[in-house]
Amino acid sequence: MKRFKGFALSVMLISLISLLFSGCGQSSGSSSSDGSSDAESQGDPYALYNKVEMGQTKEEVDAALGVTPEELTSDIYVYTDEDGYSVSVGFSTILSDSDTNEVLTKMIYGTKTAEYMNAIGKENEITEEQASQITQGMTYDEVKTILGSDGIEQSMSNSYGGGVTVTRVWLKDGIISGLSLEFTGTDGSSPVSLIVSL
């Protein structure tokens, strides 16, 4: 499990850096005539992500998503919808030689998704001062009170004790600057278990 968590953290950091780079020189999410941002009006970036559940088999994920995946690396697949939004899904065979292939992690993924995250993130930028107030053990509700927004859900994975961890991202003002928090659990009382600040 440690090998997979290390890999997942590396992918998350690369994805966050790519997200922040993708924002350079792009629109910060201007509004369309119906009041939604440009990124929001071009499909649902979470359409595939929300259909993936922890513990599903690859066959169940394939059926639920209805698109043919691309194998990113051993046991990690990328599914892309007709709007260009993607989710990467890691299966448990990455941990062993067994035939079990249940979902261990899912992450919103790809250039189109990064553009969406950048647009939404720019609308809810946080300051370095806000970010510095976040400490491990704070609940998600406490974090939202300090940062003023929900943050962007980037990934979900099975944790060591069989529970679930959720990673959320907030963009900070400045170039290539963000705050990534991992929460143990999915509700408002979930505590911060990992802080990555760029």
Protein backbone atom coordinates (compact mmCIF):
# COMPACT_ATOMS: atom_id res chain seq x y z
CA MET A 1 0.00 0.00 0.00
CA LYS A 2 2.87 2.40 0.75
CA ARG A 3 4.18 1.99 -2.80
CA PHE A 4 0.79 2.86 -4.24
CA LYS A 5 0.24 5.82 -1.89
CA GLY A 6 3.66 7.18 -2.86
CA PHE A 7 2.83 6.78 -6.52
CA ALA A 8 -0.60 8.38 -6.07
CA LEU A 9 0.97 11.35 -4.23
CA SER A 10 3.52 11.79 -7.03
CA VAL A 11 0.78 11.73 -9.68
CA MET A 12 -1.26 14.20 -7.61
CA LEU A 13 1.66 16.64 -7.34
CA ILE A 14 2.45 16.37 -11.06
CA SER A 15 -1.22 16.92 -11.83
CA LEU A 16 -1.37 19.97 -9.55
CA ILE A 17 1.74 21.48 -11.13
CA SER A 18 0.31 20.79 -14.61
CA LEU A 19 -2.94 22.40 -13.52
CA LEU A 20 -1.20 25.52 -12.40
CA PHE A 21 0.99 25.74 -15.52
CA SER A 22 -2.07 25.29 -17.73
CA GLY A 23 -3.55 28.48 -16.32
CA CYS A 24 -0.77 30.72 -17.56
CA GLY A 25 -2.12 32.95 -20.30
CA GLN A 26 -5.63 31.50 -20.18
CA SER A 27 -8.99 32.96 -19.27
CA SER A 28 -9.79 32.95 -15.57
CA GLY A 29 -13.29 31.62 -16.12
CA SER A 30 -15.31 34.44 -17.64
CA SER A 31 -19.07 34.12 -17.35
CA SER A 32 -21.44 33.19 -20.15
CA SER A 33 -24.90 34.72 -20.65
CA ASP A 34 -26.50 32.22 -18.24
CA GLY A 35 -24.10 33.20 -15.43
CA SER A 36 -21.99 30.05 -15.54
CA SER A 37 -18.28 30.14 -16.24
CA ASP A 38 -17.01 29.16 -19.70
CA ALA A 39 -15.54 25.96 -18.27
CA GLU A 40 -18.83 25.01 -16.60
CA SER A 41 -20.83 25.55 -19.79
CA GLN A 42 -18.81 22.98 -21.74
CA GLY A 43 -20.02 19.74 -20.13
CA ASP A 44 -19.53 18.23 -16.69
CA PRO A 45 -15.88 17.62 -15.70
CA TYR A 46 -17.06 15.23 -12.98
CA ALA A 47 -19.49 13.21 -15.14
CA LEU A 48 -17.15 10.19 -15.31
CA TYR A 49 -15.46 10.76 -11.95
CA ASN A 50 -18.77 10.61 -10.06
CA LYS A 51 -19.69 7.27 -11.63
CA VAL A 52 -16.56 5.55 -10.30
CA GLU A 53 -16.92 4.02 -6.83
CA MET A 54 -14.26 2.59 -4.54
CA GLY A 55 -14.30 -1.21 -4.71
CA GLN A 56 -15.81 -1.50 -8.19
CA THR A 57 -14.11 -3.96 -10.52
CA LYS A 58 -12.63 -2.78 -13.81
CA GLU A 59 -15.50 -4.48 -15.62
CA GLU A 60 -18.02 -2.53 -13.51
CA VAL A 61 -16.18 0.75 -14.14
CA ASP A 62 -16.04 0.04 -17.89
CA ALA A 63 -19.79 -0.62 -17.93
CA ALA A 64 -20.68 2.42 -15.78
CA LEU A 65 -18.55 4.84 -17.82
CA GLY A 66 -19.37 3.44 -21.24
CA VAL A 67 -16.10 4.55 -22.86
CA THR A 68 -12.99 2.61 -23.85
CA PRO A 69 -10.10 3.49 -21.53
CA GLU A 70 -6.47 4.12 -22.37
CA GLU A 71 -3.97 2.30 -20.15
CA LEU A 72 -1.77 5.02 -18.66
CA THR A 73 0.52 2.58 -16.86
CA SER A 74 0.11 -0.84 -15.29
CA ASP A 75 -3.40 -1.00 -13.79
CA ILE A 76 -4.07 2.74 -14.15
CA TYR A 77 -6.54 3.66 -16.88
CA VAL A 78 -7.75 6.98 -18.27
CA TYR A 79 -11.37 7.33 -19.36
CA THR A 80 -12.34 10.37 -21.46
CA ASP A 81 -15.89 11.49 -22.27
CA GLU A 82 -17.18 13.12 -25.45
CA ASP A 83 -16.61 16.59 -23.97
CA GLY A 84 -12.91 15.84 -23.42
CA TYR A 85 -13.02 15.50 -19.61
CA SER A 86 -11.08 12.60 -18.13
CA VAL A 87 -10.77 10.50 -14.99
CA SER A 88 -7.83 8.24 -14.18
CA VAL A 89 -8.65 5.09 -12.24
CA GLY A 90 -6.12 2.93 -10.38
CA PHE A 91 -6.96 -0.69 -9.63
CA SER A 92 -5.69 -2.89 -6.81
CA THR A 93 -3.62 -5.22 -8.99
CA ILE A 94 -0.94 -2.52 -8.84
CA LEU A 95 -0.26 -3.79 -5.31
CA SER A 96 0.08 -7.51 -5.93
CA ASP A 97 0.06 -10.34 -8.42
CA SER A 98 -3.54 -11.25 -7.60
CA ASP A 99 -6.35 -11.13 -10.13
CA THR A 100 -8.39 -8.76 -7.94
CA ASN A 101 -8.90 -5.49 -9.79
CA GLU A 102 -10.98 -3.25 -7.55
CA VAL A 103 -10.81 0.56 -7.70
CA LEU A 104 -8.26 1.96 -5.26
CA THR A 105 -8.12 5.54 -6.50
CA LYS A 106 -9.78 7.92 -8.93
CA MET A 107 -8.54 11.34 -10.04
CA ILE A 108 -9.90 14.00 -12.36
CA TYR A 109 -7.36 14.15 -15.16
CA GLY A 110 -6.28 15.67 -18.44
CA THR A 111 -5.78 19.04 -20.12
CA LYS A 112 -9.48 19.90 -20.47
CA THR A 113 -10.09 19.09 -16.81
CA ALA A 114 -7.03 21.12 -15.77
CA GLU A 115 -8.43 24.10 -17.70
CA TYR A 116 -11.71 23.74 -15.79
CA MET A 117 -9.89 23.48 -12.45
CA ASN A 118 -7.83 26.55 -13.25
CA ALA A 119 -10.90 28.61 -14.19
CA ILE A 120 -12.82 27.62 -11.06
CA GLY A 121 -9.73 27.91 -8.87
CA LYS A 122 -9.02 31.44 -10.08
CA GLU A 123 -12.54 32.44 -9.07
CA ASN A 124 -11.83 31.26 -5.50
CA GLU A 125 -8.13 32.07 -5.04
CA ILE A 126 -6.80 32.02 -1.51
CA THR A 127 -3.93 33.97 0.00
CA GLU A 128 -0.67 32.69 1.44
CA GLU A 129 -1.84 34.01 4.82
CA GLN A 130 -5.01 31.88 4.64
CA ALA A 131 -3.04 28.81 3.57
CA SER A 132 -0.60 29.20 6.46
CA GLN A 133 -3.47 28.91 8.97
CA ILE A 134 -4.32 25.34 7.91
CA THR A 135 -2.95 22.60 10.17
CA GLN A 136 -3.28 18.84 10.28
CA GLY A 137 -6.30 17.63 12.22
CA MET A 138 -8.55 20.55 11.26
CA THR A 139 -11.93 19.43 9.99
CA TYR A 140 -13.07 20.11 6.46
CA ASP A 141 -15.68 22.56 7.79
CA GLU A 142 -12.95 24.46 9.68
CA VAL A 143 -10.81 24.62 6.53
CA LYS A 144 -13.73 25.99 4.49
CA THR A 145 -14.32 28.68 7.10
CA ILE A 146 -10.71 29.85 6.83
CA LEU A 147 -10.33 29.49 3.06
CA GLY A 148 -13.82 30.66 2.14
CA SER A 149 -14.61 27.94 -0.42
CA ASP A 150 -14.95 24.21 -0.92
CA GLY A 151 -11.81 23.77 -2.93
CA ILE A 152 -11.72 21.48 -5.95
CA GLU A 153 -12.03 17.76 -5.38
CA GLN A 154 -9.11 16.24 -7.26
CA SER A 155 -9.02 12.61 -6.16
CA MET A 156 -10.39 9.93 -3.87
CA SER A 157 -8.62 6.78 -2.73
CA ASN A 158 -8.88 3.91 -0.27
CA SER A 159 -6.78 4.60 2.82
CA TYR A 160 -4.81 2.25 5.05
CA GLY A 161 -7.62 1.36 7.45
CA GLY A 162 -10.10 0.65 4.69
CA GLY A 163 -11.55 4.15 4.84
CA VAL A 164 -11.51 6.77 2.12
CA THR A 165 -9.30 9.83 1.67
CA VAL A 166 -10.24 12.81 -0.49
CA THR A 167 -7.77 15.35 -1.90
CA ARG A 168 -8.97 18.90 -2.52
CA VAL A 169 -7.04 21.76 -4.15
CA TRP A 170 -7.16 25.52 -3.68
CA LEU A 171 -5.18 27.93 -5.88
CA LYS A 172 -3.16 30.63 -4.16
CA ASP A 173 -2.51 34.04 -5.65
CA GLY A 174 0.71 33.94 -7.63
CA ILE A 175 2.18 31.78 -10.36
CA ILE A 176 2.49 28.03 -9.76
CA SER A 177 1.06 28.33 -6.28
CA GLY A 178 -1.53 26.13 -4.64
CA LEU A 179 -2.63 24.26 -1.56
CA SER A 180 -3.50 20.55 -1.68
CA LEU A 181 -5.16 18.97 1.35
CA GLU A 182 -5.95 15.31 1.93
CA PHE A 183 -8.94 14.58 4.15
CA THR A 184 -9.55 11.26 5.87
CA GLY A 185 -13.23 10.78 5.07
CA THR A 186 -15.76 12.54 2.88
CA ASP A 187 -17.93 14.69 5.18
CA GLY A 188 -17.58 18.03 6.98
CA SER A 189 -16.00 16.44 10.04
CA SER A 190 -13.21 14.83 8.01
CA PRO A 191 -9.79 15.80 9.40
CA VAL A 192 -6.84 17.06 7.35
CA SER A 193 -4.27 14.26 7.15
CA LEU A 194 -1.80 15.67 4.59
CA ILE A 195 -0.87 19.21 3.54
CA VAL A 196 1.07 20.00 0.35
CA SER A 197 1.69 23.70 -0.21
CA LEU A 198 3.36 25.11 -3.34
